[in-house]
Amino acid sequence: MDNIVAVVLAAALSGLAGAMVNGLVNRRKLGAEAAKIITDAAAGVVQTMKADREDLLKRIATLEKQVAGWRRQRRADRDAAMLHAAWDTIAIELLAKRGERLPPPPPLYAPDQREAS
């Protein structure tokens, strides 16, 4: 009977040892699979972020060009308005010398544009 107990005990211990080894191997396998899933997901996020970044950089470059164009146009408009105002002043003075009176010229800018200048 001692032999039967020893055999049963040996079988149980070897089964337990096998289960422990199998658990460790499966745990490592599951850990590696989880790491691969996480790595793949992170790589996908990085690729998406890179594409979004490139799109945003292109959009920023386009907007910067637009703003630069608007600034150039604003300076040109301001210069033209200053020339116009000077011409108006000269024309009014010349007409006044001839005896003709004109009201002052209307403003060159709308009120909201004058405040933003």
PDB file of N, CA and C in Angstrom:
ATOM      1  N   MET A   1       0.814  -1.173   0.000  1.00  0.00           N
ATOM      2  CA  MET A   1       0.000   0.000   0.000  1.00  0.00           C
ATOM      3  C   MET A   1       0.870   1.255   0.000  1.00  0.00           C
ATOM      4  N   ASP A   2       1.993   1.150   0.656  1.00  0.00           N
ATOM      5  CA  ASP A   2       2.902   2.281   0.650  1.00  0.00           C
ATOM      6  C   ASP A   2       3.335   2.609  -0.774  1.00  0.00           C
ATOM      7  N   ASN A   3       3.479   1.548  -1.565  1.00  0.00           N
ATOM      8  CA  ASN A   3       3.866   1.776  -2.944  1.00  0.00           C
ATOM      9  C   ASN A   3       2.778   2.509  -3.717  1.00  0.00           C
ATOM     10  N   ILE A   4       1.530   2.152  -3.460  1.00  0.00           N
ATOM     11  CA  ILE A   4       0.410   2.796  -4.151  1.00  0.00           C
ATOM     12  C   ILE A   4       0.341   4.264  -3.754  1.00  0.00           C
ATOM     13  N   VAL A   5       0.507   4.566  -2.494  1.00  0.00           N
ATOM     14  CA  VAL A   5       0.492   5.943  -2.005  1.00  0.00           C
ATOM     15  C   VAL A   5       1.657   6.706  -2.619  1.00  0.00           C
ATOM     16  N   ALA A   6       2.797   6.060  -2.681  1.00  0.00           N
ATOM     17  CA  ALA A   6       3.964   6.714  -3.246  1.00  0.00           C
ATOM     18  C   ALA A   6       3.741   7.006  -4.722  1.00  0.00           C
ATOM     19  N   VAL A   7       3.138   6.050  -5.434  1.00  0.00           N
ATOM     20  CA  VAL A   7       2.872   6.249  -6.858  1.00  0.00           C
ATOM     21  C   VAL A   7       1.846   7.360  -7.053  1.00  0.00           C
ATOM     22  N   VAL A   8       0.788   7.333  -6.274  1.00  0.00           N
ATOM     23  CA  VAL A   8      -0.243   8.368  -6.372  1.00  0.00           C
ATOM     24  C   VAL A   8       0.352   9.720  -6.005  1.00  0.00           C
ATOM     25  N   LEU A   9       1.136   9.757  -4.948  1.00  0.00           N
ATOM     26  CA  LEU A   9       1.757  11.009  -4.536  1.00  0.00           C
ATOM     27  C   LEU A   9       2.737  11.502  -5.608  1.00  0.00           C
ATOM     28  N   ALA A  10       3.497  10.610  -6.194  1.00  0.00           N
ATOM     29  CA  ALA A  10       4.437  10.994  -7.247  1.00  0.00           C
ATOM     30  C   ALA A  10       3.673  11.507  -8.471  1.00  0.00           C
ATOM     31  N   ALA A  11       2.583  10.833  -8.795  1.00  0.00           N
ATOM     32  CA  ALA A  11       1.772  11.262  -9.941  1.00  0.00           C
ATOM     33  C   ALA A  11       1.176  12.637  -9.674  1.00  0.00           C
ATOM     34  N   ALA A  12       0.705  12.839  -8.485  1.00  0.00           N
ATOM     35  CA  ALA A  12       0.109  14.133  -8.139  1.00  0.00           C
ATOM     36  C   ALA A  12       1.154  15.229  -8.169  1.00  0.00           C
ATOM     37  N   LEU A  13       2.329  14.932  -7.610  1.00  0.00           N
ATOM     38  CA  LEU A  13       3.396  15.931  -7.600  1.00  0.00           C
ATOM     39  C   LEU A  13       3.880  16.229  -9.018  1.00  0.00           C
ATOM     40  N   SER A  14       3.993  15.204  -9.851  1.00  0.00           N
ATOM     41  CA  SER A  14       4.431  15.459 -11.220  1.00  0.00           C
ATOM     42  C   SER A  14       3.350  16.215 -11.989  1.00  0.00           C
ATOM     43  N   GLY A  15       2.090  15.915 -11.710  1.00  0.00           N
ATOM     44  CA  GLY A  15       1.000  16.677 -12.340  1.00  0.00           C
ATOM     45  C   GLY A  15       1.016  18.129 -11.906  1.00  0.00           C
ATOM     46  N   LEU A  16       1.272  18.346 -10.631  1.00  0.00           N
ATOM     47  CA  LEU A  16       1.337  19.707 -10.101  1.00  0.00           C
ATOM     48  C   LEU A  16       2.538  20.442 -10.697  1.00  0.00           C
ATOM     49  N   ALA A  17       3.671  19.759 -10.767  1.00  0.00           N
ATOM     50  CA  ALA A  17       4.859  20.379 -11.352  1.00  0.00           C
ATOM     51  C   ALA A  17       4.614  20.696 -12.828  1.00  0.00           C
ATOM     52  N   GLY A  18       3.980  19.781 -13.537  1.00  0.00           N
ATOM     53  CA  GLY A  18       3.659  20.018 -14.948  1.00  0.00           C
ATOM     54  C   GLY A  18       2.720  21.193 -15.108  1.00  0.00           C
ATOM     55  N   ALA A  19       1.737  21.286 -14.240  1.00  0.00           N
ATOM     56  CA  ALA A  19       0.784  22.398 -14.298  1.00  0.00           C
ATOM     57  C   ALA A  19       1.497  23.722 -14.023  1.00  0.00           C
ATOM     58  N   MET A  20       2.453  23.705 -13.075  1.00  0.00           N
ATOM     59  CA  MET A  20       3.183  24.931 -12.762  1.00  0.00           C
ATOM     60  C   MET A  20       4.070  25.352 -13.942  1.00  0.00           C
ATOM     61  N   VAL A  21       4.745  24.394 -14.549  1.00  0.00           N
ATOM     62  CA  VAL A  21       5.590  24.711 -15.707  1.00  0.00           C
ATOM     63  C   VAL A  21       4.717  25.213 -16.850  1.00  0.00           C
ATOM     64  N   ASN A  22       3.608  24.526 -17.074  1.00  0.00           N
ATOM     65  CA  ASN A  22       2.676  24.949 -18.134  1.00  0.00           C
ATOM     66  C   ASN A  22       2.143  26.354 -17.854  1.00  0.00           C
ATOM     67  N   GLY A  23       1.829  26.643 -16.607  1.00  0.00           N
ATOM     68  CA  GLY A  23       1.341  27.971 -16.242  1.00  0.00           C
ATOM     69  C   GLY A  23       2.387  29.046 -16.491  1.00  0.00           C
ATOM     70  N   LEU A  24       3.625  28.752 -16.140  1.00  0.00           N
ATOM     71  CA  LEU A  24       4.695  29.729 -16.377  1.00  0.00           C
ATOM     72  C   LEU A  24       4.905  29.964 -17.873  1.00  0.00           C
ATOM     73  N   VAL A  25       4.899  28.896 -18.653  1.00  0.00           N
ATOM     74  CA  VAL A  25       5.091  29.042 -20.097  1.00  0.00           C
ATOM     75  C   VAL A  25       3.932  29.822 -20.705  1.00  0.00           C
ATOM     76  N   ASN A  26       2.711  29.475 -20.317  1.00  0.00           N
ATOM     77  CA  ASN A  26       1.537  30.188 -20.838  1.00  0.00           C
ATOM     78  C   ASN A  26       1.518  31.642 -20.384  1.00  0.00           C
ATOM     79  N   ARG A  27       1.967  31.872 -19.163  1.00  0.00           N
ATOM     80  CA  ARG A  27       2.008  33.243 -18.653  1.00  0.00           C
ATOM     81  C   ARG A  27       2.969  34.091 -19.477  1.00  0.00           C
ATOM     82  N   ARG A  28       4.142  33.533 -19.774  1.00  0.00           N
ATOM     83  CA  ARG A  28       5.103  34.246 -20.602  1.00  0.00           C
ATOM     84  C   ARG A  28       4.537  34.476 -21.997  1.00  0.00           C
ATOM     85  N   LYS A  29       3.855  33.453 -22.517  1.00  0.00           N
ATOM     86  CA  LYS A  29       3.270  33.564 -23.854  1.00  0.00           C
ATOM     87  C   LYS A  29       2.187  34.646 -23.866  1.00  0.00           C
ATOM     88  N   LEU A  30       1.346  34.634 -22.848  1.00  0.00           N
ATOM     89  CA  LEU A  30       0.296  35.657 -22.761  1.00  0.00           C
ATOM     90  C   LEU A  30       0.904  37.040 -22.572  1.00  0.00           C
ATOM     91  N   GLY A  31       1.967  37.120 -21.775  1.00  0.00           N
ATOM     92  CA  GLY A  31       2.646  38.404 -21.572  1.00  0.00           C
ATOM     93  C   GLY A  31       3.238  38.921 -22.876  1.00  0.00           C
ATOM     94  N   ALA A  32       3.821  38.026 -23.643  1.00  0.00           N
ATOM     95  CA  ALA A  32       4.398  38.434 -24.926  1.00  0.00           C
ATOM     96  C   ALA A  32       3.301  38.863 -25.895  1.00  0.00           C
ATOM     97  N   GLU A  33       2.184  38.129 -25.903  1.00  0.00           N
ATOM     98  CA  GLU A  33       1.070  38.507 -26.779  1.00  0.00           C
ATOM     99  C   GLU A  33       0.493  39.860 -26.368  1.00  0.00           C
ATOM    100  N   ALA A  34       0.350  40.078 -25.069  1.00  0.00           N
ATOM    101  CA  ALA A  34      -0.161  41.365 -24.588  1.00  0.00           C
ATOM    102  C   ALA A  34       0.802  42.493 -24.944  1.00  0.00           C
ATOM    103  N   ALA A  35       2.099  42.234 -24.794  1.00  0.00           N
ATOM    104  CA  ALA A  35       3.090  43.257 -25.146  1.00  0.00           C
ATOM    105  C   ALA A  35       3.009  43.583 -26.635  1.00  0.00           C
ATOM    106  N   LYS A  36       2.822  42.558 -27.476  1.00  0.00           N
ATOM    107  CA  LYS A  36       2.716  42.790 -28.923  1.00  0.00           C
ATOM    108  C   LYS A  36       1.462  43.599 -29.239  1.00  0.00           C
ATOM    109  N   ILE A  37       0.358  43.288 -28.606  1.00  0.00           N
ATOM    110  CA  ILE A  37      -0.892  44.023 -28.842  1.00  0.00           C
ATOM    111  C   ILE A  37      -0.722  45.494 -28.434  1.00  0.00           C
ATOM    112  N   ILE A  38      -0.127  45.701 -27.281  1.00  0.00           N
ATOM    113  CA  ILE A  38       0.076  47.071 -26.796  1.00  0.00           C
ATOM    114  C   ILE A  38       1.039  47.822 -27.709  1.00  0.00           C
ATOM    115  N   THR A  39       2.103  47.143 -28.133  1.00  0.00           N
ATOM    116  CA  THR A  39       3.082  47.779 -29.024  1.00  0.00           C
ATOM    117  C   THR A  39       2.446  48.135 -30.363  1.00  0.00           C
ATOM    118  N   ASP A  40       1.658  47.220 -30.913  1.00  0.00           N
ATOM    119  CA  ASP A  40       0.983  47.489 -32.193  1.00  0.00           C
ATOM    120  C   ASP A  40       0.002  48.653 -32.065  1.00  0.00           C
ATOM    121  N   ALA A  41      -0.731  48.678 -30.963  1.00  0.00           N
ATOM    122  CA  ALA A  41      -1.691  49.776 -30.754  1.00  0.00           C
ATOM    123  C   ALA A  41      -0.953  51.108 -30.619  1.00  0.00           C
ATOM    124  N   ALA A  42       0.133  51.102 -29.874  1.00  0.00           N
ATOM    125  CA  ALA A  42       0.909  52.334 -29.697  1.00  0.00           C
ATOM    126  C   ALA A  42       1.499  52.795 -31.034  1.00  0.00           C
ATOM    127  N   ALA A  43       1.960  51.846 -31.844  1.00  0.00           N
ATOM    128  CA  ALA A  43       2.511  52.203 -33.154  1.00  0.00           C
ATOM    129  C   ALA A  43       1.425  52.822 -34.034  1.00  0.00           C
ATOM    130  N   GLY A  44       0.218  52.284 -33.955  1.00  0.00           N
ATOM    131  CA  GLY A  44      -0.897  52.861 -34.718  1.00  0.00           C
ATOM    132  C   GLY A  44      -1.203  54.278 -34.269  1.00  0.00           C
ATOM    133  N   VAL A  45      -1.189  54.499 -32.972  1.00  0.00           N
ATOM    134  CA  VAL A  45      -1.446  55.844 -32.441  1.00  0.00           C
ATOM    135  C   VAL A  45      -0.351  56.804 -32.893  1.00  0.00           C
ATOM    136  N   VAL A  46       0.896  56.356 -32.848  1.00  0.00           N
ATOM    137  CA  VAL A  46       2.014  57.200 -33.267  1.00  0.00           C
ATOM    138  C   VAL A  46       1.886  57.550 -34.745  1.00  0.00           C
ATOM    139  N   GLN A  47       1.536  56.582 -35.580  1.00  0.00           N
ATOM    140  CA  GLN A  47       1.372  56.851 -37.012  1.00  0.00           C
ATOM    141  C   GLN A  47       0.263  57.867 -37.244  1.00  0.00           C
ATOM    142  N   THR A  48      -0.839  57.711 -36.544  1.00  0.00           N
ATOM    143  CA  THR A  48      -1.944  58.659 -36.673  1.00  0.00           C
ATOM    144  C   THR A  48      -1.514  60.053 -36.230  1.00  0.00           C
ATOM    145  N   MET A  49      -0.786  60.114 -35.127  1.00  0.00           N
ATOM    146  CA  MET A  49      -0.329  61.420 -34.631  1.00  0.00           C
ATOM    147  C   MET A  49       0.651  62.061 -35.602  1.00  0.00           C
ATOM    148  N   LYS A  50       1.522  61.262 -36.220  1.00  0.00           N
ATOM    149  CA  LYS A  50       2.464  61.808 -37.200  1.00  0.00           C
ATOM    150  C   LYS A  50       1.710  62.376 -38.402  1.00  0.00           C
ATOM    151  N   ALA A  51       0.712  61.633 -38.873  1.00  0.00           N
ATOM    152  CA  ALA A  51      -0.070  62.112 -40.013  1.00  0.00           C
ATOM    153  C   ALA A  51      -0.821  63.390 -39.644  1.00  0.00           C
ATOM    154  N   ASP A  52      -1.412  63.404 -38.454  1.00  0.00           N
ATOM    155  CA  ASP A  52      -2.118  64.614 -38.001  1.00  0.00           C
ATOM    156  C   ASP A  52      -1.157  65.785 -37.883  1.00  0.00           C
ATOM    157  N   ARG A  53       0.037  65.535 -37.382  1.00  0.00           N
ATOM    158  CA  ARG A  53       1.037  66.595 -37.228  1.00  0.00           C
ATOM    159  C   ARG A  53       1.415  67.163 -38.592  1.00  0.00           C
ATOM    160  N   GLU A  54       1.643  66.287 -39.556  1.00  0.00           N
ATOM    161  CA  GLU A  54       1.984  66.754 -40.898  1.00  0.00           C
ATOM    162  C   GLU A  54       0.858  67.599 -41.486  1.00  0.00           C
ATOM    163  N   ASP A  55      -0.382  67.141 -41.315  1.00  0.00           N
ATOM    164  CA  ASP A  55      -1.531  67.913 -41.809  1.00  0.00           C
ATOM    165  C   ASP A  55      -1.596  69.279 -41.132  1.00  0.00           C
ATOM    166  N   LEU A  56      -1.371  69.300 -39.826  1.00  0.00           N
ATOM    167  CA  LEU A  56      -1.429  70.566 -39.091  1.00  0.00           C
ATOM    168  C   LEU A  56      -0.297  71.505 -39.507  1.00  0.00           C
ATOM    169  N   LEU A  57       0.897  70.961 -39.735  1.00  0.00           N
ATOM    170  CA  LEU A  57       2.009  71.807 -40.171  1.00  0.00           C
ATOM    171  C   LEU A  57       1.721  72.415 -41.546  1.00  0.00           C
ATOM    172  N   LYS A  58       1.125  71.641 -42.442  1.00  0.00           N
ATOM    173  CA  LYS A  58       0.758  72.173 -43.756  1.00  0.00           C
ATOM    174  C   LYS A  58      -0.297  73.259 -43.606  1.00  0.00           C
ATOM    175  N   ARG A  59      -1.277  73.018 -42.744  1.00  0.00           N
ATOM    176  CA  ARG A  59      -2.340  74.009 -42.513  1.00  0.00           C
ATOM    177  C   ARG A  59      -1.757  75.292 -41.919  1.00  0.00           C
ATOM    178  N   ILE A  60      -0.838  75.152 -40.978  1.00  0.00           N
ATOM    179  CA  ILE A  60      -0.204  76.328 -40.368  1.00  0.00           C
ATOM    180  C   ILE A  60       0.560  77.115 -41.419  1.00  0.00           C
ATOM    181  N   ALA A  61       1.300  76.411 -42.280  1.00  0.00           N
ATOM    182  CA  ALA A  61       2.059  77.106 -43.328  1.00  0.00           C
ATOM    183  C   ALA A  61       1.125  77.868 -44.253  1.00  0.00           C
ATOM    184  N   THR A  62      -0.002  77.260 -44.607  1.00  0.00           N
ATOM    185  CA  THR A  62      -0.984  77.935 -45.464  1.00  0.00           C
ATOM    186  C   THR A  62      -1.552  79.166 -44.771  1.00  0.00           C
ATOM    187  N   LEU A  63      -1.893  79.030 -43.504  1.00  0.00           N
ATOM    188  CA  LEU A  63      -2.454  80.161 -42.757  1.00  0.00           C
ATOM    189  C   LEU A  63      -1.425  81.279 -42.581  1.00  0.00           C
ATOM    190  N   GLU A  64      -0.168  80.909 -42.346  1.00  0.00           N
ATOM    191  CA  GLU A  64       0.872  81.934 -42.209  1.00  0.00           C
ATOM    192  C   GLU A  64       1.041  82.712 -43.512  1.00  0.00           C
ATOM    193  N   LYS A  65       0.953  82.018 -44.648  1.00  0.00           N
ATOM    194  CA  LYS A  65       1.039  82.712 -45.939  1.00  0.00           C
ATOM    195  C   LYS A  65      -0.152  83.652 -46.118  1.00  0.00           C
ATOM    196  N   GLN A  66      -1.341  83.196 -45.727  1.00  0.00           N
ATOM    197  CA  GLN A  66      -2.528  84.061 -45.840  1.00  0.00           C
ATOM    198  C   GLN A  66      -2.374  85.300 -44.975  1.00  0.00           C
ATOM    199  N   VAL A  67      -1.934  85.112 -43.742  1.00  0.00           N
ATOM    200  CA  VAL A  67      -1.770  86.249 -42.824  1.00  0.00           C
ATOM    201  C   VAL A  67      -0.730  87.217 -43.371  1.00  0.00           C
ATOM    202  N   ALA A  68       0.373  86.683 -43.894  1.00  0.00           N
ATOM    203  CA  ALA A  68       1.402  87.562 -44.468  1.00  0.00           C
ATOM    204  C   ALA A  68       0.831  88.356 -45.640  1.00  0.00           C
ATOM    205  N   GLY A  69       0.015  87.723 -46.472  1.00  0.00           N
ATOM    206  CA  GLY A  69      -0.625  88.428 -47.589  1.00  0.00           C
ATOM    207  C   GLY A  69      -1.570  89.508 -47.101  1.00  0.00           C
ATOM    208  N   TRP A  70      -2.344  89.189 -46.073  1.00  0.00           N
ATOM    209  CA  TRP A  70      -3.268  90.198 -45.520  1.00  0.00           C
ATOM    210  C   TRP A  70      -2.488  91.369 -44.930  1.00  0.00           C
ATOM    211  N   ARG A  71      -1.379  91.080 -44.271  1.00  0.00           N
ATOM    212  CA  ARG A  71      -0.570  92.164 -43.698  1.00  0.00           C
ATOM    213  C   ARG A  71       0.012  93.043 -44.792  1.00  0.00           C
ATOM    214  N   ARG A  72       0.519  92.431 -45.872  1.00  0.00           N
ATOM    215  CA  ARG A  72       1.035  93.230 -46.997  1.00  0.00           C
ATOM    216  C   ARG A  72      -0.075  94.088 -47.585  1.00  0.00           C
ATOM    217  N   GLN A  73      -1.266  93.498 -47.750  1.00  0.00           N
ATOM    218  CA  GLN A  73      -2.388  94.247 -48.321  1.00  0.00           C
ATOM    219  C   GLN A  73      -2.803  95.380 -47.385  1.00  0.00           C
ATOM    220  N   ARG A  74      -2.789  95.113 -46.099  1.00  0.00           N
ATOM    221  CA  ARG A  74      -3.166  96.159 -45.134  1.00  0.00           C
ATOM    222  C   ARG A  74      -2.195  97.328 -45.198  1.00  0.00           C
ATOM    223  N   ARG A  75      -0.894  97.038 -45.281  1.00  0.00           N
ATOM    224  CA  ARG A  75       0.101  98.111 -45.394  1.00  0.00           C
ATOM    225  C   ARG A  75      -0.105  98.898 -46.687  1.00  0.00           C
ATOM    226  N   ALA A  76      -0.356  98.183 -47.790  1.00  0.00           N
ATOM    227  CA  ALA A  76      -0.580  98.858 -49.074  1.00  0.00           C
ATOM    228  C   ALA A  76      -1.839  99.718 -49.010  1.00  0.00           C
ATOM    229  N   ASP A  77      -2.908  99.203 -48.395  1.00  0.00           N
ATOM    230  CA  ASP A  77      -4.147  99.977 -48.255  1.00  0.00           C
ATOM    231  C   ASP A  77      -3.918 101.218 -47.390  1.00  0.00           C
ATOM    232  N   ARG A  78      -3.152 101.056 -46.315  1.00  0.00           N
ATOM    233  CA  ARG A  78      -2.874 102.199 -45.436  1.00  0.00           C
ATOM    234  C   ARG A  78      -2.062 103.258 -46.175  1.00  0.00           C
ATOM    235  N   ASP A  79      -1.057 102.806 -46.947  1.00  0.00           N
ATOM    236  CA  ASP A  79      -0.256 103.759 -47.714  1.00  0.00           C
ATOM    237  C   ASP A  79      -1.123 104.503 -48.737  1.00  0.00           C
ATOM    238  N   ALA A  80      -1.995 103.751 -49.424  1.00  0.00           N
ATOM    239  CA  ALA A  80      -2.880 104.376 -50.415  1.00  0.00           C
ATOM    240  C   ALA A  80      -3.835 105.358 -49.732  1.00  0.00           C
ATOM    241  N   ALA A  81      -4.332 104.995 -48.559  1.00  0.00           N
ATOM    242  CA  ALA A  81      -5.243 105.885 -47.840  1.00  0.00           C
ATOM    243  C   ALA A  81      -4.528 107.163 -47.400  1.00  0.00           C
ATOM    244  N   MET A  82      -3.270 107.030 -46.974  1.00  0.00           N
ATOM    245  CA  MET A  82      -2.519 108.224 -46.567  1.00  0.00           C
ATOM    246  C   MET A  82      -2.293 109.146 -47.763  1.00  0.00           C
ATOM    247  N   LEU A  83      -1.972 108.566 -48.932  1.00  0.00           N
ATOM    248  CA  LEU A  83      -1.817 109.383 -50.142  1.00  0.00           C
ATOM    249  C   LEU A  83      -3.136 110.062 -50.511  1.00  0.00           C
ATOM    250  N   HIS A  84      -4.219 109.314 -50.375  1.00  0.00           N
ATOM    251  CA  HIS A  84      -5.541 109.859 -50.695  1.00  0.00           C
ATOM    252  C   HIS A  84      -5.872 111.022 -49.756  1.00  0.00           C
ATOM    253  N   ALA A  85      -5.583 110.834 -48.472  1.00  0.00           N
ATOM    254  CA  ALA A  85      -5.865 111.903 -47.500  1.00  0.00           C
ATOM    255  C   ALA A  85      -5.037 113.144 -47.813  1.00  0.00           C
ATOM    256  N   ALA A  86      -3.775 112.954 -48.175  1.00  0.00           N
ATOM    257  CA  ALA A  86      -2.935 114.102 -48.529  1.00  0.00           C
ATOM    258  C   ALA A  86      -3.486 114.802 -49.775  1.00  0.00           C
ATOM    259  N   TRP A  87      -3.900 114.032 -50.773  1.00  0.00           N
ATOM    260  CA  TRP A  87      -4.465 114.610 -51.997  1.00  0.00           C
ATOM    261  C   TRP A  87      -5.745 115.385 -51.677  1.00  0.00           C
ATOM    262  N   ASP A  88      -6.592 114.809 -50.807  1.00  0.00           N
ATOM    263  CA  ASP A  88      -7.824 115.504 -50.403  1.00  0.00           C
ATOM    264  C   ASP A  88      -7.500 116.859 -49.775  1.00  0.00           C
ATOM    265  N   THR A  89      -6.521 116.886 -48.895  1.00  0.00           N
ATOM    266  CA  THR A  89      -6.142 118.128 -48.220  1.00  0.00           C
ATOM    267  C   THR A  89      -5.680 119.171 -49.236  1.00  0.00           C
ATOM    268  N   ILE A  90      -4.843 118.748 -50.168  1.00  0.00           N
ATOM    269  CA  ILE A  90      -4.359 119.678 -51.201  1.00  0.00           C
ATOM    270  C   ILE A  90      -5.518 120.188 -52.058  1.00  0.00           C
ATOM    271  N   ALA A  91      -6.415 119.275 -52.457  1.00  0.00           N
ATOM    272  CA  ALA A  91      -7.546 119.668 -53.305  1.00  0.00           C
ATOM    273  C   ALA A  91      -8.451 120.652 -52.576  1.00  0.00           C
ATOM    274  N   ILE A  92      -8.722 120.428 -51.315  1.00  0.00           N
ATOM    275  CA  ILE A  92      -9.576 121.335 -50.538  1.00  0.00           C
ATOM    276  C   ILE A  92      -8.906 122.698 -50.412  1.00  0.00           C
ATOM    277  N   GLU A  93      -7.591 122.731 -50.159  1.00  0.00           N
ATOM    278  CA  GLU A  93      -6.874 124.006 -50.043  1.00  0.00           C
ATOM    279  C   GLU A  93      -6.896 124.775 -51.364  1.00  0.00           C
ATOM    280  N   LEU A  94      -6.703 124.073 -52.480  1.00  0.00           N
ATOM    281  CA  LEU A  94      -6.735 124.742 -53.781  1.00  0.00           C
ATOM    282  C   LEU A  94      -8.121 125.312 -54.083  1.00  0.00           C
ATOM    283  N   LEU A  95      -9.155 124.536 -53.787  1.00  0.00           N
ATOM    284  CA  LEU A  95     -10.513 125.021 -54.010  1.00  0.00           C
ATOM    285  C   LEU A  95     -10.820 126.193 -53.086  1.00  0.00           C
ATOM    286  N   ALA A  96     -10.326 126.136 -51.843  1.00  0.00           N
ATOM    287  CA  ALA A  96     -10.562 127.227 -50.903  1.00  0.00           C
ATOM    288  C   ALA A  96      -9.900 128.515 -51.401  1.00  0.00           C
ATOM    289  N   LYS A  97      -8.709 128.393 -52.021  1.00  0.00           N
ATOM    290  CA  LYS A  97      -8.035 129.570 -52.576  1.00  0.00           C
ATOM    291  C   LYS A  97      -8.854 130.182 -53.707  1.00  0.00           C
ATOM    292  N   ARG A  98      -9.630 129.379 -54.396  1.00  0.00           N
ATOM    293  CA  ARG A  98     -10.477 129.890 -55.486  1.00  0.00           C
ATOM    294  C   ARG A  98     -11.822 130.380 -54.948  1.00  0.00           C
ATOM    295  N   GLY A  99     -11.997 130.291 -53.644  1.00  0.00           N
ATOM    296  CA  GLY A  99     -13.235 130.778 -53.059  1.00  0.00           C
ATOM    297  C   GLY A  99     -14.309 129.706 -52.891  1.00  0.00           C
ATOM    298  N   GLU A 100     -14.020 128.517 -53.213  1.00  0.00           N
ATOM    299  CA  GLU A 100     -15.018 127.449 -53.058  1.00  0.00           C
ATOM    300  C   GLU A 100     -14.780 126.734 -51.729  1.00  0.00           C
ATOM    301  N   ARG A 101     -15.901 126.424 -51.073  1.00  0.00           N
ATOM    302  CA  ARG A 101     -15.816 125.758 -49.769  1.00  0.00           C
ATOM    303  C   ARG A 101     -16.389 124.355 -49.904  1.00  0.00           C
ATOM    304  N   LEU A 102     -15.676 123.385 -49.447  1.00  0.00           N
ATOM    305  CA  LEU A 102     -16.133 121.989 -49.421  1.00  0.00           C
ATOM    306  C   LEU A 102     -16.147 121.499 -47.976  1.00  0.00           C
ATOM    307  N   PRO A 103     -17.059 120.593 -47.692  1.00  0.00           N
ATOM    308  CA  PRO A 103     -16.993 119.987 -46.343  1.00  0.00           C
ATOM    309  C   PRO A 103     -15.758 119.083 -46.275  1.00  0.00           C
ATOM    310  N   PRO A 104     -15.332 118.762 -45.096  1.00  0.00           N
ATOM    311  CA  PRO A 104     -14.178 117.862 -44.981  1.00  0.00           C
ATOM    312  C   PRO A 104     -14.494 116.505 -45.629  1.00  0.00           C
ATOM    313  N   PRO A 105     -13.496 115.822 -46.118  1.00  0.00           N
ATOM    314  CA  PRO A 105     -13.743 114.529 -46.758  1.00  0.00           C
ATOM    315  C   PRO A 105     -14.237 113.499 -45.744  1.00  0.00           C
ATOM    316  N   PRO A 106     -14.965 112.517 -46.207  1.00  0.00           N
ATOM    317  CA  PRO A 106     -15.420 111.460 -45.280  1.00  0.00           C
ATOM    318  C   PRO A 106     -14.230 110.616 -44.827  1.00  0.00           C
ATOM    319  N   PRO A 107     -14.411 109.890 -43.749  1.00  0.00           N
ATOM    320  CA  PRO A 107     -13.306 109.061 -43.256  1.00  0.00           C
ATOM    321  C   PRO A 107     -12.911 108.006 -44.298  1.00  0.00           C
ATOM    322  N   LEU A 108     -11.658 107.653 -44.301  1.00  0.00           N
ATOM    323  CA  LEU A 108     -11.163 106.651 -45.234  1.00  0.00           C
ATOM    324  C   LEU A 108     -11.400 105.225 -44.741  1.00  0.00           C
ATOM    325  N   TYR A 109     -11.575 105.055 -43.451  1.00  0.00           N
ATOM    326  CA  TYR A 109     -11.785 103.736 -42.862  1.00  0.00           C
ATOM    327  C   TYR A 109     -13.129 103.689 -42.164  1.00  0.00           C
ATOM    328  N   ALA A 110     -13.703 102.517 -42.147  1.00  0.00           N
ATOM    329  CA  ALA A 110     -14.907 102.314 -41.334  1.00  0.00           C
ATOM    330  C   ALA A 110     -14.496 102.420 -39.864  1.00  0.00           C
ATOM    331  N   PRO A 111     -15.391 102.815 -38.994  1.00  0.00           N
ATOM    332  CA  PRO A 111     -15.016 103.024 -37.581  1.00  0.00           C
ATOM    333  C   PRO A 111     -14.328 101.809 -36.944  1.00  0.00           C
ATOM    334  N   ASP A 112     -14.803 100.600 -37.225  1.00  0.00           N
ATOM    335  CA  ASP A 112     -14.197  99.428 -36.594  1.00  0.00           C
ATOM    336  C   ASP A 112     -12.779  99.185 -37.111  1.00  0.00           C
ATOM    337  N   GLN A 113     -12.497  99.576 -38.342  1.00  0.00           N
ATOM    338  CA  GLN A 113     -11.140  99.406 -38.901  1.00  0.00           C
ATOM    339  C   GLN A 113     -10.187 100.449 -38.334  1.00  0.00           C
ATOM    340  N   ARG A 114     -10.668 101.643 -38.060  1.00  0.00           N
ATOM    341  CA  ARG A 114      -9.786 102.657 -37.496  1.00  0.00           C
ATOM    342  C   ARG A 114      -9.338 102.250 -36.105  1.00  0.00           C
ATOM    343  N   GLU A 115     -10.216 101.633 -35.331  1.00  0.00           N
ATOM    344  CA  GLU A 115      -9.861 101.219 -33.972  1.00  0.00           C
ATOM    345  C   GLU A 115      -8.860 100.073 -33.995  1.00  0.00           C
ATOM    346  N   ALA A 116      -8.943  99.218 -35.014  1.00  0.00           N
ATOM    347  CA  ALA A 116      -8.041  98.051 -35.086  1.00  0.00           C
ATOM    348  C   ALA A 116      -6.681  98.443 -35.646  1.00  0.00           C
ATOM    349  N   SER A 117      -6.546  99.608 -36.260  1.00  0.00           N
ATOM    350  CA  SER A 117      -5.267  99.997 -36.886  1.00  0.00           C
ATOM    351  C   SER A 117      -4.210 100.288 -35.861  1.00  0.00           C
TER     352      SER A 117
END
